[in-house]
Amino acid sequence: MAKLYYRYGAMGSSKTANAIMVQYNYMERGQKVLMVKPAMENRDGARTVKSRSGLQTECIFIEELADMDVKQYDCVIIDEAQFLTKDQVRLLVKIVDEMNVPVIAYGLRTDFQNNFFEGSKWLMAWADTIEEIKTICWCGKKAICNARVVDGKVVTEGDQILLGGSSQYVSLCRKHFIAGKLGE
């Protein structure tokens, strides 16, 4: 029986690297995998999923998924799943429940204000299995928050979505997130 998995973590927890490694494991066993991301996520090229560690693979857009014959795949992997809409998450549920194809979604749990993204909210509500991918704060404690950094300071105002990497976001434990403290 197929399942919908949501694997979430703070920035820098190697979510994308994990997604690409899972794809590799399926392919190594001769199985077909469909790698998917939202079209808005174009930092590394339109149809490329790339981790900071250098791993990369080609992908399609979530916006194309509804028009595809997903039953021909052994697994669907979603990167940057926090950016999905409720209807797109509902489509993933349909793929799992009606087509019996497992879906593994990777993304952030919350934004820089510690609020759910639409995609993460519905994945947390509807996923069969929810797994945390851990990373650490500068102090060594588990990081669960994504701080947006502008001019060396944590900011708490602005649009929910601002694409960026380690130059704009830092993973912090809750204590240092609340304090806005980026290090000693």
N, C-alpha and C. Protein backbone atom coordinates (compact mmCIF):
# COMPACT_ATOMS: atom_id res chain seq x y z
N MET A 1 0.83 -1.17 0.00
CA MET A 1 0.00 0.00 0.00
C MET A 1 0.88 1.25 0.00
N ALA A 2 0.66 2.14 -0.93
CA ALA A 2 1.44 3.37 -1.04
C ALA A 2 1.12 4.32 0.10
N LYS A 3 2.06 5.21 0.40
CA LYS A 3 1.89 6.21 1.44
C LYS A 3 2.36 7.57 0.95
N LEU A 4 1.84 8.61 1.60
CA LEU A 4 2.33 9.97 1.42
C LEU A 4 3.23 10.29 2.60
N TYR A 5 4.48 10.57 2.31
CA TYR A 5 5.48 10.89 3.33
C TYR A 5 5.77 12.38 3.26
N TYR A 6 5.88 13.01 4.43
CA TYR A 6 6.37 14.38 4.48
C TYR A 6 7.61 14.39 5.34
N ARG A 7 8.73 14.71 4.73
CA ARG A 7 10.00 14.80 5.42
C ARG A 7 10.39 16.28 5.45
N TYR A 8 10.36 16.84 6.64
CA TYR A 8 10.59 18.28 6.78
C TYR A 8 11.82 18.53 7.63
N GLY A 9 12.37 19.70 7.47
CA GLY A 9 13.49 20.12 8.29
C GLY A 9 13.73 21.60 8.10
N ALA A 10 14.54 22.17 8.98
CA ALA A 10 14.92 23.57 8.86
C ALA A 10 15.91 23.72 7.71
N MET A 11 16.18 24.96 7.36
CA MET A 11 17.16 25.24 6.30
C MET A 11 18.49 24.54 6.65
N GLY A 12 19.12 23.99 5.63
CA GLY A 12 20.42 23.37 5.83
C GLY A 12 20.39 21.97 6.40
N SER A 13 19.23 21.34 6.43
CA SER A 13 19.13 19.98 6.98
C SER A 13 19.32 18.90 5.92
N SER A 14 19.68 19.28 4.72
CA SER A 14 19.96 18.35 3.62
C SER A 14 18.71 17.68 3.05
N LYS A 15 17.60 18.40 3.05
CA LYS A 15 16.36 17.85 2.49
C LYS A 15 16.52 17.50 1.02
N THR A 16 17.07 18.42 0.23
CA THR A 16 17.22 18.18 -1.20
C THR A 16 18.23 17.08 -1.46
N ALA A 17 19.31 17.05 -0.74
CA ALA A 17 20.30 15.97 -0.90
C ALA A 17 19.65 14.63 -0.59
N ASN A 18 18.83 14.58 0.45
CA ASN A 18 18.11 13.34 0.78
C ASN A 18 17.17 12.94 -0.35
N ALA A 19 16.46 13.90 -0.91
CA ALA A 19 15.53 13.61 -2.00
C ALA A 19 16.26 13.01 -3.20
N ILE A 20 17.39 13.59 -3.54
CA ILE A 20 18.17 13.09 -4.68
C ILE A 20 18.75 11.71 -4.38
N MET A 21 19.16 11.48 -3.14
CA MET A 21 19.69 10.15 -2.77
C MET A 21 18.60 9.09 -2.82
N VAL A 22 17.38 9.43 -2.40
CA VAL A 22 16.27 8.50 -2.48
C VAL A 22 15.96 8.18 -3.94
N GLN A 23 15.97 9.21 -4.79
CA GLN A 23 15.78 8.98 -6.22
C GLN A 23 16.84 8.01 -6.75
N TYR A 24 18.08 8.23 -6.39
CA TYR A 24 19.19 7.37 -6.83
C TYR A 24 18.97 5.92 -6.38
N ASN A 25 18.55 5.75 -5.14
CA ASN A 25 18.32 4.39 -4.62
C ASN A 25 17.24 3.66 -5.41
N TYR A 26 16.15 4.34 -5.72
CA TYR A 26 15.10 3.73 -6.55
C TYR A 26 15.64 3.37 -7.93
N MET A 27 16.35 4.30 -8.55
CA MET A 27 16.85 4.08 -9.90
C MET A 27 17.90 2.96 -9.93
N GLU A 28 18.69 2.86 -8.89
CA GLU A 28 19.71 1.82 -8.81
C GLU A 28 19.07 0.43 -8.80
N ARG A 29 17.83 0.35 -8.35
CA ARG A 29 17.10 -0.91 -8.32
C ARG A 29 16.20 -1.08 -9.55
N GLY A 30 16.44 -0.25 -10.56
CA GLY A 30 15.72 -0.37 -11.81
C GLY A 30 14.31 0.18 -11.79
N GLN A 31 13.99 1.03 -10.83
CA GLN A 31 12.65 1.58 -10.72
C GLN A 31 12.61 3.01 -11.27
N LYS A 32 11.43 3.39 -11.71
CA LYS A 32 11.24 4.72 -12.31
C LYS A 32 10.77 5.70 -11.25
N VAL A 33 11.43 6.85 -11.22
CA VAL A 33 11.12 7.88 -10.23
C VAL A 33 10.87 9.19 -10.95
N LEU A 34 9.88 9.90 -10.48
CA LEU A 34 9.56 11.22 -11.02
C LEU A 34 9.93 12.26 -9.97
N MET A 35 10.91 13.11 -10.28
CA MET A 35 11.32 14.20 -9.39
C MET A 35 10.54 15.44 -9.80
N VAL A 36 9.97 16.13 -8.79
CA VAL A 36 9.05 17.24 -9.03
C VAL A 36 9.39 18.40 -8.10
N LYS A 37 9.18 19.62 -8.59
CA LYS A 37 9.29 20.81 -7.74
C LYS A 37 8.33 21.86 -8.26
N PRO A 38 8.00 22.86 -7.44
CA PRO A 38 7.17 23.97 -7.92
C PRO A 38 7.93 24.82 -8.94
N ALA A 39 7.25 25.30 -9.96
CA ALA A 39 7.88 26.11 -11.01
C ALA A 39 8.50 27.38 -10.46
N MET A 40 7.93 27.92 -9.39
CA MET A 40 8.46 29.17 -8.82
C MET A 40 9.87 29.01 -8.25
N GLU A 41 10.27 27.78 -7.94
CA GLU A 41 11.58 27.53 -7.34
C GLU A 41 12.59 27.38 -8.48
N ASN A 42 13.20 28.47 -8.88
CA ASN A 42 14.08 28.45 -10.05
C ASN A 42 15.51 28.90 -9.76
N ARG A 43 15.92 28.84 -8.51
CA ARG A 43 17.26 29.31 -8.14
C ARG A 43 18.37 28.55 -8.87
N ASP A 44 18.16 27.27 -9.13
CA ASP A 44 19.22 26.45 -9.72
C ASP A 44 18.92 26.09 -11.17
N GLY A 45 18.01 26.80 -11.79
CA GLY A 45 17.60 26.50 -13.15
C GLY A 45 16.18 25.96 -13.13
N ALA A 46 15.48 26.19 -14.20
CA ALA A 46 14.06 25.87 -14.26
C ALA A 46 13.77 24.41 -13.93
N ARG A 47 14.45 23.50 -14.54
CA ARG A 47 14.13 22.08 -14.39
C ARG A 47 15.25 21.31 -13.70
N THR A 48 15.85 21.95 -12.72
CA THR A 48 16.94 21.33 -11.98
C THR A 48 16.64 21.40 -10.49
N VAL A 49 16.88 20.29 -9.82
CA VAL A 49 16.87 20.24 -8.36
C VAL A 49 18.32 20.08 -7.96
N LYS A 50 18.82 20.99 -7.12
CA LYS A 50 20.23 20.96 -6.76
C LYS A 50 20.39 21.21 -5.27
N SER A 51 21.21 20.38 -4.64
CA SER A 51 21.49 20.56 -3.21
C SER A 51 22.74 21.41 -3.04
N ARG A 52 22.89 21.98 -1.85
CA ARG A 52 24.10 22.75 -1.57
C ARG A 52 25.35 21.88 -1.58
N SER A 53 25.17 20.58 -1.38
CA SER A 53 26.32 19.67 -1.39
C SER A 53 26.80 19.37 -2.80
N GLY A 54 26.05 19.83 -3.81
CA GLY A 54 26.46 19.63 -5.20
C GLY A 54 25.68 18.57 -5.95
N LEU A 55 24.88 17.76 -5.25
CA LEU A 55 24.04 16.78 -5.94
C LEU A 55 22.97 17.50 -6.74
N GLN A 56 22.68 16.99 -7.93
CA GLN A 56 21.62 17.60 -8.72
C GLN A 56 20.99 16.59 -9.65
N THR A 57 19.77 16.90 -10.08
CA THR A 57 19.02 16.04 -10.97
C THR A 57 18.00 16.89 -11.72
N GLU A 58 17.47 16.34 -12.78
CA GLU A 58 16.44 17.02 -13.56
C GLU A 58 15.07 16.74 -12.94
N CYS A 59 14.10 17.60 -13.23
CA CYS A 59 12.77 17.44 -12.64
C CYS A 59 11.71 18.00 -13.58
N ILE A 60 10.46 17.76 -13.18
CA ILE A 60 9.33 18.41 -13.82
C ILE A 60 8.70 19.34 -12.79
N PHE A 61 7.72 20.12 -13.21
CA PHE A 61 7.04 21.03 -12.30
C PHE A 61 5.78 20.39 -11.75
N ILE A 62 5.46 20.71 -10.51
CA ILE A 62 4.23 20.22 -9.88
C ILE A 62 3.02 20.63 -10.72
N GLU A 63 3.12 21.77 -11.37
CA GLU A 63 2.02 22.27 -12.19
C GLU A 63 1.73 21.37 -13.38
N GLU A 64 2.67 20.49 -13.76
CA GLU A 64 2.51 19.56 -14.88
C GLU A 64 2.01 18.18 -14.44
N LEU A 65 2.04 17.93 -13.16
CA LEU A 65 1.80 16.58 -12.64
C LEU A 65 0.39 16.05 -12.92
N ALA A 66 -0.60 16.91 -12.84
CA ALA A 66 -1.99 16.46 -13.04
C ALA A 66 -2.23 15.92 -14.45
N ASP A 67 -1.44 16.34 -15.42
CA ASP A 67 -1.62 15.91 -16.81
C ASP A 67 -0.76 14.71 -17.18
N MET A 68 -0.09 14.12 -16.22
CA MET A 68 0.82 13.00 -16.50
C MET A 68 0.22 11.67 -16.07
N ASP A 69 0.70 10.60 -16.70
CA ASP A 69 0.33 9.24 -16.30
C ASP A 69 1.31 8.81 -15.21
N VAL A 70 0.96 9.13 -13.98
CA VAL A 70 1.86 8.88 -12.85
C VAL A 70 1.95 7.39 -12.53
N LYS A 71 0.98 6.60 -12.96
CA LYS A 71 0.97 5.16 -12.65
C LYS A 71 2.17 4.43 -13.25
N GLN A 72 2.84 5.03 -14.21
CA GLN A 72 4.01 4.39 -14.80
C GLN A 72 5.27 4.53 -13.94
N TYR A 73 5.15 5.28 -12.84
CA TYR A 73 6.30 5.51 -11.95
C TYR A 73 6.16 4.69 -10.68
N ASP A 74 7.31 4.34 -10.11
CA ASP A 74 7.34 3.59 -8.86
C ASP A 74 7.34 4.51 -7.64
N CYS A 75 7.65 5.78 -7.87
CA CYS A 75 7.69 6.74 -6.76
C CYS A 75 7.69 8.15 -7.34
N VAL A 76 7.05 9.07 -6.62
CA VAL A 76 7.10 10.49 -6.95
C VAL A 76 7.78 11.19 -5.78
N ILE A 77 8.79 12.01 -6.08
CA ILE A 77 9.51 12.75 -5.05
C ILE A 77 9.30 14.24 -5.32
N ILE A 78 8.92 14.96 -4.27
CA ILE A 78 8.66 16.39 -4.37
C ILE A 78 9.71 17.15 -3.57
N ASP A 79 10.38 18.12 -4.18
CA ASP A 79 11.30 18.99 -3.46
C ASP A 79 10.63 20.35 -3.26
N GLU A 80 11.00 21.06 -2.21
CA GLU A 80 10.43 22.37 -1.89
C GLU A 80 8.91 22.30 -1.74
N ALA A 81 8.44 21.27 -1.06
CA ALA A 81 7.00 20.99 -0.94
C ALA A 81 6.25 22.04 -0.13
N GLN A 82 6.95 22.84 0.64
CA GLN A 82 6.27 23.89 1.40
C GLN A 82 5.57 24.89 0.48
N PHE A 83 6.02 24.99 -0.76
CA PHE A 83 5.44 25.94 -1.71
C PHE A 83 4.22 25.40 -2.44
N LEU A 84 3.80 24.19 -2.15
CA LEU A 84 2.62 23.63 -2.81
C LEU A 84 1.35 24.30 -2.31
N THR A 85 0.32 24.24 -3.13
CA THR A 85 -0.99 24.72 -2.72
C THR A 85 -1.77 23.56 -2.10
N LYS A 86 -2.87 23.88 -1.47
CA LYS A 86 -3.74 22.84 -0.90
C LYS A 86 -4.19 21.88 -1.99
N ASP A 87 -4.57 22.39 -3.15
CA ASP A 87 -5.01 21.52 -4.24
C ASP A 87 -3.89 20.62 -4.75
N GLN A 88 -2.67 21.12 -4.77
CA GLN A 88 -1.54 20.29 -5.19
C GLN A 88 -1.25 19.18 -4.18
N VAL A 89 -1.39 19.48 -2.91
CA VAL A 89 -1.24 18.43 -1.89
C VAL A 89 -2.37 17.42 -2.03
N ARG A 90 -3.57 17.90 -2.31
CA ARG A 90 -4.70 17.00 -2.54
C ARG A 90 -4.41 16.06 -3.73
N LEU A 91 -3.76 16.57 -4.78
CA LEU A 91 -3.36 15.74 -5.92
C LEU A 91 -2.39 14.64 -5.47
N LEU A 92 -1.46 14.98 -4.59
CA LEU A 92 -0.52 13.97 -4.08
C LEU A 92 -1.27 12.87 -3.33
N VAL A 93 -2.27 13.26 -2.54
CA VAL A 93 -3.10 12.29 -1.82
C VAL A 93 -3.79 11.36 -2.83
N LYS A 94 -4.30 11.93 -3.90
CA LYS A 94 -4.97 11.14 -4.94
C LYS A 94 -4.00 10.16 -5.61
N ILE A 95 -2.79 10.61 -5.87
CA ILE A 95 -1.77 9.73 -6.47
C ILE A 95 -1.51 8.53 -5.57
N VAL A 96 -1.42 8.78 -4.27
CA VAL A 96 -1.17 7.71 -3.31
C VAL A 96 -2.39 6.79 -3.19
N ASP A 97 -3.55 7.37 -2.95
CA ASP A 97 -4.74 6.59 -2.63
C ASP A 97 -5.38 5.92 -3.83
N GLU A 98 -5.39 6.58 -4.98
CA GLU A 98 -6.08 6.04 -6.14
C GLU A 98 -5.16 5.35 -7.14
N MET A 99 -3.90 5.77 -7.19
CA MET A 99 -2.96 5.18 -8.15
C MET A 99 -1.97 4.24 -7.49
N ASN A 100 -1.97 4.23 -6.16
CA ASN A 100 -1.09 3.36 -5.38
C ASN A 100 0.40 3.62 -5.67
N VAL A 101 0.74 4.89 -5.88
CA VAL A 101 2.14 5.28 -6.11
C VAL A 101 2.59 6.07 -4.88
N PRO A 102 3.68 5.65 -4.23
CA PRO A 102 4.16 6.40 -3.07
C PRO A 102 4.67 7.78 -3.47
N VAL A 103 4.43 8.74 -2.58
CA VAL A 103 4.91 10.11 -2.78
C VAL A 103 5.72 10.49 -1.54
N ILE A 104 6.94 10.99 -1.80
CA ILE A 104 7.81 11.46 -0.72
C ILE A 104 8.05 12.93 -0.95
N ALA A 105 7.54 13.77 -0.05
CA ALA A 105 7.65 15.22 -0.17
C ALA A 105 8.66 15.74 0.84
N TYR A 106 9.51 16.64 0.40
CA TYR A 106 10.54 17.26 1.24
C TYR A 106 10.31 18.76 1.29
N GLY A 107 10.38 19.35 2.48
CA GLY A 107 10.22 20.79 2.56
C GLY A 107 10.41 21.33 3.96
N LEU A 108 10.26 22.62 4.05
CA LEU A 108 10.31 23.30 5.34
C LEU A 108 9.00 23.10 6.08
N ARG A 109 9.05 23.16 7.38
CA ARG A 109 7.83 23.12 8.17
C ARG A 109 7.24 24.52 8.27
N THR A 110 8.07 25.50 8.60
CA THR A 110 7.57 26.86 8.82
C THR A 110 8.45 27.89 8.13
N ASP A 111 7.92 29.09 8.03
CA ASP A 111 8.63 30.20 7.39
C ASP A 111 9.49 30.95 8.42
N PHE A 112 10.00 32.12 8.01
CA PHE A 112 10.88 32.91 8.87
C PHE A 112 10.16 33.59 10.03
N GLN A 113 8.82 33.51 10.05
CA GLN A 113 8.05 34.02 11.17
C GLN A 113 7.50 32.88 12.02
N ASN A 114 7.91 31.67 11.70
CA ASN A 114 7.48 30.44 12.36
C ASN A 114 6.01 30.12 12.11
N ASN A 115 5.50 30.52 10.94
CA ASN A 115 4.15 30.17 10.50
C ASN A 115 4.24 29.09 9.42
N PHE A 116 3.22 28.25 9.37
CA PHE A 116 3.19 27.24 8.32
C PHE A 116 3.11 27.88 6.94
N PHE A 117 3.77 27.26 5.97
CA PHE A 117 3.50 27.52 4.57
C PHE A 117 2.24 26.75 4.23
N GLU A 118 1.55 27.11 3.16
CA GLU A 118 0.34 26.38 2.78
C GLU A 118 0.63 24.90 2.53
N GLY A 119 1.68 24.61 1.77
CA GLY A 119 2.01 23.22 1.46
C GLY A 119 2.37 22.42 2.70
N SER A 120 3.19 22.99 3.57
CA SER A 120 3.59 22.25 4.77
C SER A 120 2.40 22.03 5.70
N LYS A 121 1.51 23.00 5.77
CA LYS A 121 0.31 22.85 6.61
C LYS A 121 -0.51 21.64 6.17
N TRP A 122 -0.77 21.53 4.88
CA TRP A 122 -1.63 20.44 4.40
C TRP A 122 -0.89 19.12 4.36
N LEU A 123 0.42 19.14 4.14
CA LEU A 123 1.18 17.89 4.23
C LEU A 123 1.22 17.39 5.67
N MET A 124 1.36 18.30 6.64
CA MET A 124 1.32 17.89 8.04
C MET A 124 -0.05 17.30 8.39
N ALA A 125 -1.10 17.84 7.79
CA ALA A 125 -2.46 17.36 8.07
C ALA A 125 -2.75 16.02 7.40
N TRP A 126 -2.28 15.82 6.17
CA TRP A 126 -2.72 14.67 5.38
C TRP A 126 -1.69 13.58 5.15
N ALA A 127 -0.43 13.81 5.46
CA ALA A 127 0.59 12.78 5.21
C ALA A 127 0.36 11.56 6.09
N ASP A 128 0.64 10.40 5.53
CA ASP A 128 0.56 9.15 6.30
C ASP A 128 1.71 9.06 7.30
N THR A 129 2.88 9.54 6.87
CA THR A 129 4.07 9.49 7.70
C THR A 129 4.77 10.84 7.66
N ILE A 130 5.07 11.38 8.84
CA ILE A 130 5.76 12.66 8.95
C ILE A 130 7.09 12.41 9.65
N GLU A 131 8.18 12.84 9.00
CA GLU A 131 9.51 12.59 9.54
C GLU A 131 10.31 13.89 9.54
N GLU A 132 11.03 14.13 10.62
CA GLU A 132 11.87 15.31 10.71
C GLU A 132 13.29 14.97 10.27
N ILE A 133 13.87 15.83 9.46
CA ILE A 133 15.28 15.75 9.09
C ILE A 133 15.97 16.82 9.94
N LYS A 134 16.84 16.41 10.79
CA LYS A 134 17.38 17.32 11.80
C LYS A 134 18.64 18.06 11.32
N THR A 135 18.80 19.24 11.88
CA THR A 135 20.02 20.02 11.74
C THR A 135 20.23 20.77 13.05
N ILE A 136 21.34 21.46 13.18
CA ILE A 136 21.63 22.11 14.45
C ILE A 136 21.82 23.61 14.32
N CYS A 137 21.56 24.28 15.41
CA CYS A 137 21.79 25.71 15.60
C CYS A 137 23.29 25.92 15.84
N TRP A 138 23.73 27.15 15.76
CA TRP A 138 25.14 27.46 16.04
C TRP A 138 25.54 27.05 17.45
N CYS A 139 24.57 26.95 18.38
CA CYS A 139 24.88 26.61 19.77
C CYS A 139 24.97 25.10 19.99
N GLY A 140 24.60 24.31 18.97
CA GLY A 140 24.65 22.86 19.10
C GLY A 140 23.31 22.20 19.38
N LYS A 141 22.31 22.99 19.76
CA LYS A 141 20.97 22.45 19.98
C LYS A 141 20.28 22.22 18.64
N LYS A 142 19.22 21.41 18.66
CA LYS A 142 18.46 21.15 17.44
C LYS A 142 17.84 22.44 16.92
N ALA A 143 18.04 22.71 15.63
CA ALA A 143 17.46 23.89 14.99
C ALA A 143 16.09 23.52 14.44
N ILE A 144 15.09 24.31 14.78
CA ILE A 144 13.73 24.07 14.26
C ILE A 144 13.17 25.30 13.57
N CYS A 145 13.90 26.42 13.61
CA CYS A 145 13.40 27.68 13.07
C CYS A 145 14.29 28.17 11.93
N ASN A 146 13.67 28.86 10.99
CA ASN A 146 14.37 29.42 9.84
C ASN A 146 14.38 30.94 9.98
N ALA A 147 15.52 31.49 10.34
CA ALA A 147 15.62 32.94 10.50
C ALA A 147 16.03 33.57 9.18
N ARG A 148 15.32 34.63 8.79
CA ARG A 148 15.70 35.41 7.61
C ARG A 148 16.68 36.47 8.09
N VAL A 149 17.78 36.60 7.36
CA VAL A 149 18.85 37.53 7.75
C VAL A 149 19.02 38.59 6.67
N VAL A 150 18.98 39.85 7.10
CA VAL A 150 19.21 40.99 6.21
C VAL A 150 20.24 41.88 6.89
N ASP A 151 21.33 42.18 6.20
CA ASP A 151 22.40 43.02 6.74
C ASP A 151 22.89 42.52 8.09
N GLY A 152 23.01 41.20 8.22
CA GLY A 152 23.55 40.61 9.43
C GLY A 152 22.61 40.55 10.62
N LYS A 153 21.33 40.86 10.40
CA LYS A 153 20.37 40.85 11.50
C LYS A 153 19.15 40.00 11.13
N VAL A 154 18.57 39.35 12.14
CA VAL A 154 17.35 38.58 11.96
C VAL A 154 16.20 39.55 11.75
N VAL A 155 15.40 39.32 10.70
CA VAL A 155 14.23 40.16 10.44
C VAL A 155 12.96 39.33 10.62
N THR A 156 11.89 40.01 11.01
CA THR A 156 10.63 39.30 11.26
C THR A 156 9.48 39.85 10.43
N GLU A 157 9.76 40.80 9.55
CA GLU A 157 8.74 41.38 8.68
C GLU A 157 9.11 41.13 7.23
N GLY A 158 8.08 40.99 6.39
CA GLY A 158 8.32 40.82 4.96
C GLY A 158 7.42 39.76 4.37
N ASP A 159 7.52 39.59 3.06
CA ASP A 159 6.74 38.58 2.37
C ASP A 159 7.11 37.19 2.87
N GLN A 160 6.14 36.30 2.90
CA GLN A 160 6.41 34.95 3.38
C GLN A 160 7.44 34.26 2.51
N ILE A 161 7.35 34.44 1.20
CA ILE A 161 8.25 33.73 0.30
C ILE A 161 9.29 34.69 -0.26
N LEU A 162 10.54 34.40 0.03
CA LEU A 162 11.69 35.08 -0.52
C LEU A 162 12.71 33.99 -0.77
N LEU A 163 12.87 33.59 -2.03
CA LEU A 163 13.77 32.48 -2.33
C LEU A 163 15.19 32.88 -1.97
N GLY A 164 15.87 31.95 -1.33
CA GLY A 164 17.25 32.22 -0.94
C GLY A 164 17.87 31.02 -0.26
N GLY A 165 19.13 31.10 -0.06
CA GLY A 165 19.86 30.01 0.56
C GLY A 165 20.51 30.46 1.85
N SER A 166 21.70 29.92 2.11
CA SER A 166 22.36 30.17 3.38
C SER A 166 22.80 31.62 3.55
N SER A 167 22.81 32.42 2.48
CA SER A 167 23.16 33.82 2.63
C SER A 167 21.99 34.64 3.17
N GLN A 168 20.75 34.12 3.03
CA GLN A 168 19.58 34.86 3.50
C GLN A 168 18.86 34.18 4.66
N TYR A 169 19.17 32.92 4.92
CA TYR A 169 18.47 32.18 5.97
C TYR A 169 19.47 31.41 6.82
N VAL A 170 19.17 31.33 8.11
CA VAL A 170 20.00 30.59 9.06
C VAL A 170 19.07 29.75 9.93
N SER A 171 19.43 28.51 10.16
CA SER A 171 18.65 27.64 11.04
C SER A 171 19.06 27.91 12.48
N LEU A 172 18.05 28.11 13.33
CA LEU A 172 18.31 28.40 14.74
C LEU A 172 17.42 27.54 15.63
N CYS A 173 17.87 27.30 16.85
CA CYS A 173 17.00 26.71 17.86
C CYS A 173 15.95 27.76 18.22
N ARG A 174 14.89 27.34 18.86
CA ARG A 174 13.81 28.28 19.20
C ARG A 174 14.31 29.43 20.08
N LYS A 175 15.15 29.12 21.06
CA LYS A 175 15.66 30.15 21.98
C LYS A 175 16.37 31.26 21.22
N HIS A 176 17.28 30.89 20.30
CA HIS A 176 18.04 31.90 19.58
C HIS A 176 17.22 32.56 18.47
N PHE A 177 16.23 31.84 17.97
CA PHE A 177 15.31 32.45 17.00
C PHE A 177 14.53 33.57 17.66
N ILE A 178 13.96 33.28 18.83
CA ILE A 178 13.18 34.29 19.55
C ILE A 178 14.06 35.48 19.94
N ALA A 179 15.29 35.19 20.34
CA ALA A 179 16.21 36.27 20.74
C ALA A 179 16.82 36.99 19.53
N GLY A 180 16.69 36.39 18.34
CA GLY A 180 17.30 37.00 17.15
C GLY A 180 18.81 36.94 17.18
N LYS A 181 19.35 35.92 17.84
CA LYS A 181 20.80 35.82 18.05
C LYS A 181 21.42 34.86 17.03
N LEU A 182 22.32 35.39 16.20
CA LEU A 182 22.94 34.60 15.13
C LEU A 182 24.23 33.92 15.52
N GLY A 183 24.74 34.16 16.69
CA GLY A 183 25.96 33.51 17.13
C GLY A 183 26.64 34.32 18.22
N GLU A 184 27.70 33.74 18.75
CA GLU A 184 28.46 34.41 19.81
C GLU A 184 29.30 35.53 19.21
